[in-house]
């Protein structure tokens, strides 16, 4: 798919899907998440007046950047469940398939204090069980995963 088409699909998804709205509500007001579509088109996800926004521009001081390919985009935009747990599981599964890459640029402290853990917590028991089944049971394990992702950059 063309990068512009992928951008439009993601924009509609990120700005209208209930799980994206819930995820954005957990983030601090100054958080911008970088997203590269097919490693080329640079975009950012953030919230504005408590609503999720997705723009085609470089993220300002991102703590996290996702690089996503067409398979991950299709998987995301086809997500029908309004639950943030299902969205999170979808993203993690895409990561395991190498359809999503995650880069940590910010400090681990930022990840622990700027609302990212609130997004994980919003996933509830279903997301926690999924993470635990993949070795991420509890805050210390999640912190270890953040550190591992940061060290890969």
C-alpha atoms as a PDB file:
ATOM      1  CA  UNK A   1       0.000   0.000   0.000  1.00  0.00           C
ATOM      2  CA  UNK A   2       1.134   3.544  -0.635  1.00  0.00           C
ATOM      3  CA  UNK A   3       2.482   5.426   2.376  1.00  0.00           C
ATOM      4  CA  UNK A   4      -0.170   8.151   2.021  1.00  0.00           C
ATOM      5  CA  UNK A   5      -2.919   5.505   2.007  1.00  0.00           C
ATOM      6  CA  UNK A   6      -1.373   3.861   5.075  1.00  0.00           C
ATOM      7  CA  UNK A   7      -1.238   7.247   6.803  1.00  0.00           C
ATOM      8  CA  UNK A   8      -4.922   7.903   6.096  1.00  0.00           C
ATOM      9  CA  UNK A   9      -5.906   4.456   7.417  1.00  0.00           C
ATOM     10  CA  UNK A  10      -3.911   4.990  10.599  1.00  0.00           C
ATOM     11  CA  UNK A  11      -5.173   8.536  11.074  1.00  0.00           C
ATOM     12  CA  UNK A  12      -8.778   7.368  10.949  1.00  0.00           C
ATOM     13  CA  UNK A  13      -8.010   4.459  13.267  1.00  0.00           C
ATOM     14  CA  UNK A  14      -5.967   6.390  15.839  1.00  0.00           C
ATOM     15  CA  UNK A  15      -8.383   9.332  15.976  1.00  0.00           C
ATOM     16  CA  UNK A  16     -11.648   7.373  16.125  1.00  0.00           C
ATOM     17  CA  UNK A  17     -11.068   3.952  17.692  1.00  0.00           C
ATOM     18  CA  UNK A  18     -12.264   3.782  21.345  1.00  0.00           C
ATOM     19  CA  UNK A  19      -9.122   1.954  22.513  1.00  0.00           C
ATOM     20  CA  UNK A  20      -6.907   4.679  21.024  1.00  0.00           C
ATOM     21  CA  UNK A  21      -8.968   7.315  22.796  1.00  0.00           C
ATOM     22  CA  UNK A  22      -8.533   5.435  26.068  1.00  0.00           C
ATOM     23  CA  UNK A  23      -4.791   5.012  25.511  1.00  0.00           C
ATOM     24  CA  UNK A  24      -4.346   8.709  24.736  1.00  0.00           C
ATOM     25  CA  UNK A  25      -6.223   9.696  27.888  1.00  0.00           C
ATOM     26  CA  UNK A  26      -3.563   7.983  30.020  1.00  0.00           C
ATOM     27  CA  UNK A  27      -0.664   9.878  28.445  1.00  0.00           C
ATOM     28  CA  UNK A  28       0.693  13.148  29.777  1.00  0.00           C
ATOM     29  CA  UNK A  29      -0.270  16.180  27.696  1.00  0.00           C
ATOM     30  CA  UNK A  30       3.252  16.716  26.350  1.00  0.00           C
ATOM     31  CA  UNK A  31       3.836  13.099  25.198  1.00  0.00           C
ATOM     32  CA  UNK A  32       4.337  12.523  21.498  1.00  0.00           C
ATOM     33  CA  UNK A  33       4.932   9.015  20.182  1.00  0.00           C
ATOM     34  CA  UNK A  34       6.876   8.700  16.947  1.00  0.00           C
ATOM     35  CA  UNK A  35       5.544   6.375  14.274  1.00  0.00           C
ATOM     36  CA  UNK A  36       7.340   5.514  11.042  1.00  0.00           C
ATOM     37  CA  UNK A  37       5.186   3.954   8.346  1.00  0.00           C
ATOM     38  CA  UNK A  38       7.232   1.406   6.363  1.00  0.00           C
ATOM     39  CA  UNK A  39      10.438   2.935   7.801  1.00  0.00           C
ATOM     40  CA  UNK A  40       9.924   6.029   5.628  1.00  0.00           C
ATOM     41  CA  UNK A  41       6.963   8.236   6.470  1.00  0.00           C
ATOM     42  CA  UNK A  42       7.428   9.969   9.800  1.00  0.00           C
ATOM     43  CA  UNK A  43       4.315  10.638  11.902  1.00  0.00           C
ATOM     44  CA  UNK A  44       3.341  11.335  15.481  1.00  0.00           C
ATOM     45  CA  UNK A  45       0.568  10.213  17.842  1.00  0.00           C
ATOM     46  CA  UNK A  46      -0.391  12.542  20.690  1.00  0.00           C
ATOM     47  CA  UNK A  47      -3.424  13.955  22.427  1.00  0.00           C
ATOM     48  CA  UNK A  48      -4.917  17.376  21.980  1.00  0.00           C
ATOM     49  CA  UNK A  49      -7.726  18.504  24.281  1.00  0.00           C
ATOM     50  CA  UNK A  50      -7.961  14.908  25.559  1.00  0.00           C
ATOM     51  CA  UNK A  51      -8.558  13.553  22.041  1.00  0.00           C
ATOM     52  CA  UNK A  52      -6.068  11.367  20.142  1.00  0.00           C
ATOM     53  CA  UNK A  53      -4.390  12.998  17.157  1.00  0.00           C
ATOM     54  CA  UNK A  54      -2.193  11.583  14.405  1.00  0.00           C
ATOM     55  CA  UNK A  55      -0.191  13.878  12.151  1.00  0.00           C
ATOM     56  CA  UNK A  56       2.352  13.498   9.395  1.00  0.00           C
ATOM     57  CA  UNK A  57       5.318  15.191  11.050  1.00  0.00           C
ATOM     58  CA  UNK A  58       8.282  14.429  13.260  1.00  0.00           C
ATOM     59  CA  UNK A  59       7.433  13.774  16.910  1.00  0.00           C
ATOM     60  CA  UNK A  60       8.846  16.290  19.371  1.00  0.00           C
ATOM     61  CA  UNK A  61      11.125  14.568  21.888  1.00  0.00           C
ATOM     62  CA  UNK A  62       9.521  11.108  21.624  1.00  0.00           C
ATOM     63  CA  UNK A  63      10.194   8.654  24.419  1.00  0.00           C
ATOM     64  CA  UNK A  64       9.066   5.828  22.127  1.00  0.00           C
ATOM     65  CA  UNK A  65       9.001   5.340  18.370  1.00  0.00           C
ATOM     66  CA  UNK A  66       7.219   2.554  16.530  1.00  0.00           C
ATOM     67  CA  UNK A  67       8.231   1.455  13.044  1.00  0.00           C
ATOM     68  CA  UNK A  68       5.296  -0.349  11.454  1.00  0.00           C
ATOM     69  CA  UNK A  69       4.850  -2.115   8.150  1.00  0.00           C
ATOM     70  CA  UNK A  70       1.761  -2.698   6.011  1.00  0.00           C
ATOM     71  CA  UNK A  71       0.890  -6.032   7.680  1.00  0.00           C
ATOM     72  CA  UNK A  72       0.817  -4.388  11.111  1.00  0.00           C
ATOM     73  CA  UNK A  73      -1.206  -1.467   9.774  1.00  0.00           C
ATOM     74  CA  UNK A  74      -3.801  -3.804   8.272  1.00  0.00           C
ATOM     75  CA  UNK A  75      -3.948  -5.799  11.497  1.00  0.00           C
ATOM     76  CA  UNK A  76      -4.443  -2.641  13.583  1.00  0.00           C
ATOM     77  CA  UNK A  77      -7.118  -1.010  11.456  1.00  0.00           C
ATOM     78  CA  UNK A  78      -9.084  -4.257  11.280  1.00  0.00           C
ATOM     79  CA  UNK A  79      -9.224  -4.432  15.099  1.00  0.00           C
ATOM     80  CA  UNK A  80     -12.923  -4.341  15.930  1.00  0.00           C
ATOM     81  CA  UNK A  81     -12.708  -4.711  19.692  1.00  0.00           C
ATOM     82  CA  UNK A  82     -13.071  -1.456  21.627  1.00  0.00           C
ATOM     83  CA  UNK A  83     -10.919  -2.905  24.423  1.00  0.00           C
ATOM     84  CA  UNK A  84      -7.455  -1.500  24.984  1.00  0.00           C
ATOM     85  CA  UNK A  85      -6.294  -5.010  25.999  1.00  0.00           C
ATOM     86  CA  UNK A  86      -7.052  -6.336  22.518  1.00  0.00           C
ATOM     87  CA  UNK A  87      -5.271  -3.403  20.907  1.00  0.00           C
ATOM     88  CA  UNK A  88      -2.217  -3.968  23.119  1.00  0.00           C
ATOM     89  CA  UNK A  89      -2.179  -7.694  22.385  1.00  0.00           C
ATOM     90  CA  UNK A  90      -2.429  -6.950  18.672  1.00  0.00           C
ATOM     91  CA  UNK A  91       0.582  -4.611  18.855  1.00  0.00           C
ATOM     92  CA  UNK A  92       2.665  -7.083  20.887  1.00  0.00           C
ATOM     93  CA  UNK A  93       1.838  -9.924  18.484  1.00  0.00           C
ATOM     94  CA  UNK A  94       2.876  -7.700  15.563  1.00  0.00           C
ATOM     95  CA  UNK A  95       6.124  -7.003  17.417  1.00  0.00           C
ATOM     96  CA  UNK A  96       6.760 -10.757  17.780  1.00  0.00           C
ATOM     97  CA  UNK A  97       6.196 -11.143  14.014  1.00  0.00           C
ATOM     98  CA  UNK A  98       8.708  -8.328  13.325  1.00  0.00           C
ATOM     99  CA  UNK A  99       5.942  -6.244  11.757  1.00  0.00           C
ATOM    100  CA  UNK A 100       6.446  -3.612  14.461  1.00  0.00           C
ATOM    101  CA  UNK A 101       9.766  -2.406  15.816  1.00  0.00           C
ATOM    102  CA  UNK A 102       9.941  -0.412  19.030  1.00  0.00           C
ATOM    103  CA  UNK A 103      12.656   2.118  19.795  1.00  0.00           C
ATOM    104  CA  UNK A 104      13.013   3.678  23.222  1.00  0.00           C
ATOM    105  CA  UNK A 105      14.686   7.093  23.018  1.00  0.00           C
ATOM    106  CA  UNK A 106      13.541   8.642  26.276  1.00  0.00           C
ATOM    107  CA  UNK A 107      14.636   7.726  29.740  1.00  0.00           C
ATOM    108  CA  UNK A 108      13.182   4.747  31.551  1.00  0.00           C
ATOM    109  CA  UNK A 109      11.963   7.223  34.177  1.00  0.00           C
ATOM    110  CA  UNK A 110       9.895   8.979  31.476  1.00  0.00           C
ATOM    111  CA  UNK A 111       8.323   5.663  30.523  1.00  0.00           C
ATOM    112  CA  UNK A 112       7.417   5.055  34.153  1.00  0.00           C
ATOM    113  CA  UNK A 113       6.044   8.540  34.876  1.00  0.00           C
ATOM    114  CA  UNK A 114       4.551  10.072  31.710  1.00  0.00           C
ATOM    115  CA  UNK A 115       1.482   7.866  31.370  1.00  0.00           C
ATOM    116  CA  UNK A 116       2.798   4.855  29.463  1.00  0.00           C
ATOM    117  CA  UNK A 117       2.198   2.567  32.437  1.00  0.00           C
ATOM    118  CA  UNK A 118      -1.334   3.942  32.598  1.00  0.00           C
ATOM    119  CA  UNK A 119      -1.879   2.670  29.062  1.00  0.00           C
ATOM    120  CA  UNK A 120      -0.652  -0.780  30.107  1.00  0.00           C
ATOM    121  CA  UNK A 121      -2.792  -0.654  33.255  1.00  0.00           C
ATOM    122  CA  UNK A 122      -5.846   0.294  31.176  1.00  0.00           C
ATOM    123  CA  UNK A 123      -5.477  -3.048  29.423  1.00  0.00           C
ATOM    124  CA  UNK A 124      -6.665  -4.684  32.608  1.00  0.00           C
ATOM    125  CA  UNK A 125      -6.381  -8.334  33.561  1.00  0.00           C
ATOM    126  CA  UNK A 126      -6.550  -9.621  29.981  1.00  0.00           C
ATOM    127  CA  UNK A 127      -3.533  -7.636  28.861  1.00  0.00           C
ATOM    128  CA  UNK A 128      -1.667  -8.355  32.108  1.00  0.00           C
ATOM    129  CA  UNK A 129      -2.215 -12.094  31.626  1.00  0.00           C
ATOM    130  CA  UNK A 130      -1.005 -11.894  28.031  1.00  0.00           C
ATOM    131  CA  UNK A 131       2.128 -10.002  29.105  1.00  0.00           C
ATOM    132  CA  UNK A 132       2.741 -12.449  31.964  1.00  0.00           C
ATOM    133  CA  UNK A 133       2.474 -15.390  29.565  1.00  0.00           C
ATOM    134  CA  UNK A 134       5.329 -13.790  27.628  1.00  0.00           C
ATOM    135  CA  UNK A 135       7.583 -13.123  30.610  1.00  0.00           C
ATOM    136  CA  UNK A 136       6.416  -9.644  31.606  1.00  0.00           C
ATOM    137  CA  UNK A 137       4.684 -10.244  34.924  1.00  0.00           C
ATOM    138  CA  UNK A 138       4.854  -7.183  37.141  1.00  0.00           C
ATOM    139  CA  UNK A 139       6.346  -3.715  37.046  1.00  0.00           C
ATOM    140  CA  UNK A 140       9.975  -4.838  37.468  1.00  0.00           C
ATOM    141  CA  UNK A 141       9.734  -7.136  34.424  1.00  0.00           C
ATOM    142  CA  UNK A 142       8.115  -4.386  32.362  1.00  0.00           C
ATOM    143  CA  UNK A 143      10.895  -2.018  33.414  1.00  0.00           C
ATOM    144  CA  UNK A 144      13.442  -4.672  32.346  1.00  0.00           C
ATOM    145  CA  UNK A 145      11.758  -4.930  28.937  1.00  0.00           C
ATOM    146  CA  UNK A 146      11.846  -1.131  28.556  1.00  0.00           C
ATOM    147  CA  UNK A 147      15.561  -1.203  29.401  1.00  0.00           C
ATOM    148  CA  UNK A 148      16.219  -4.021  26.912  1.00  0.00           C
ATOM    149  CA  UNK A 149      14.407  -2.114  24.157  1.00  0.00           C
ATOM    150  CA  UNK A 150      16.366   1.032  24.984  1.00  0.00           C
ATOM    151  CA  UNK A 151      19.665  -0.868  24.819  1.00  0.00           C
ATOM    152  CA  UNK A 152      18.810  -2.228  21.350  1.00  0.00           C
ATOM    153  CA  UNK A 153      18.954   1.256  19.832  1.00  0.00           C
END
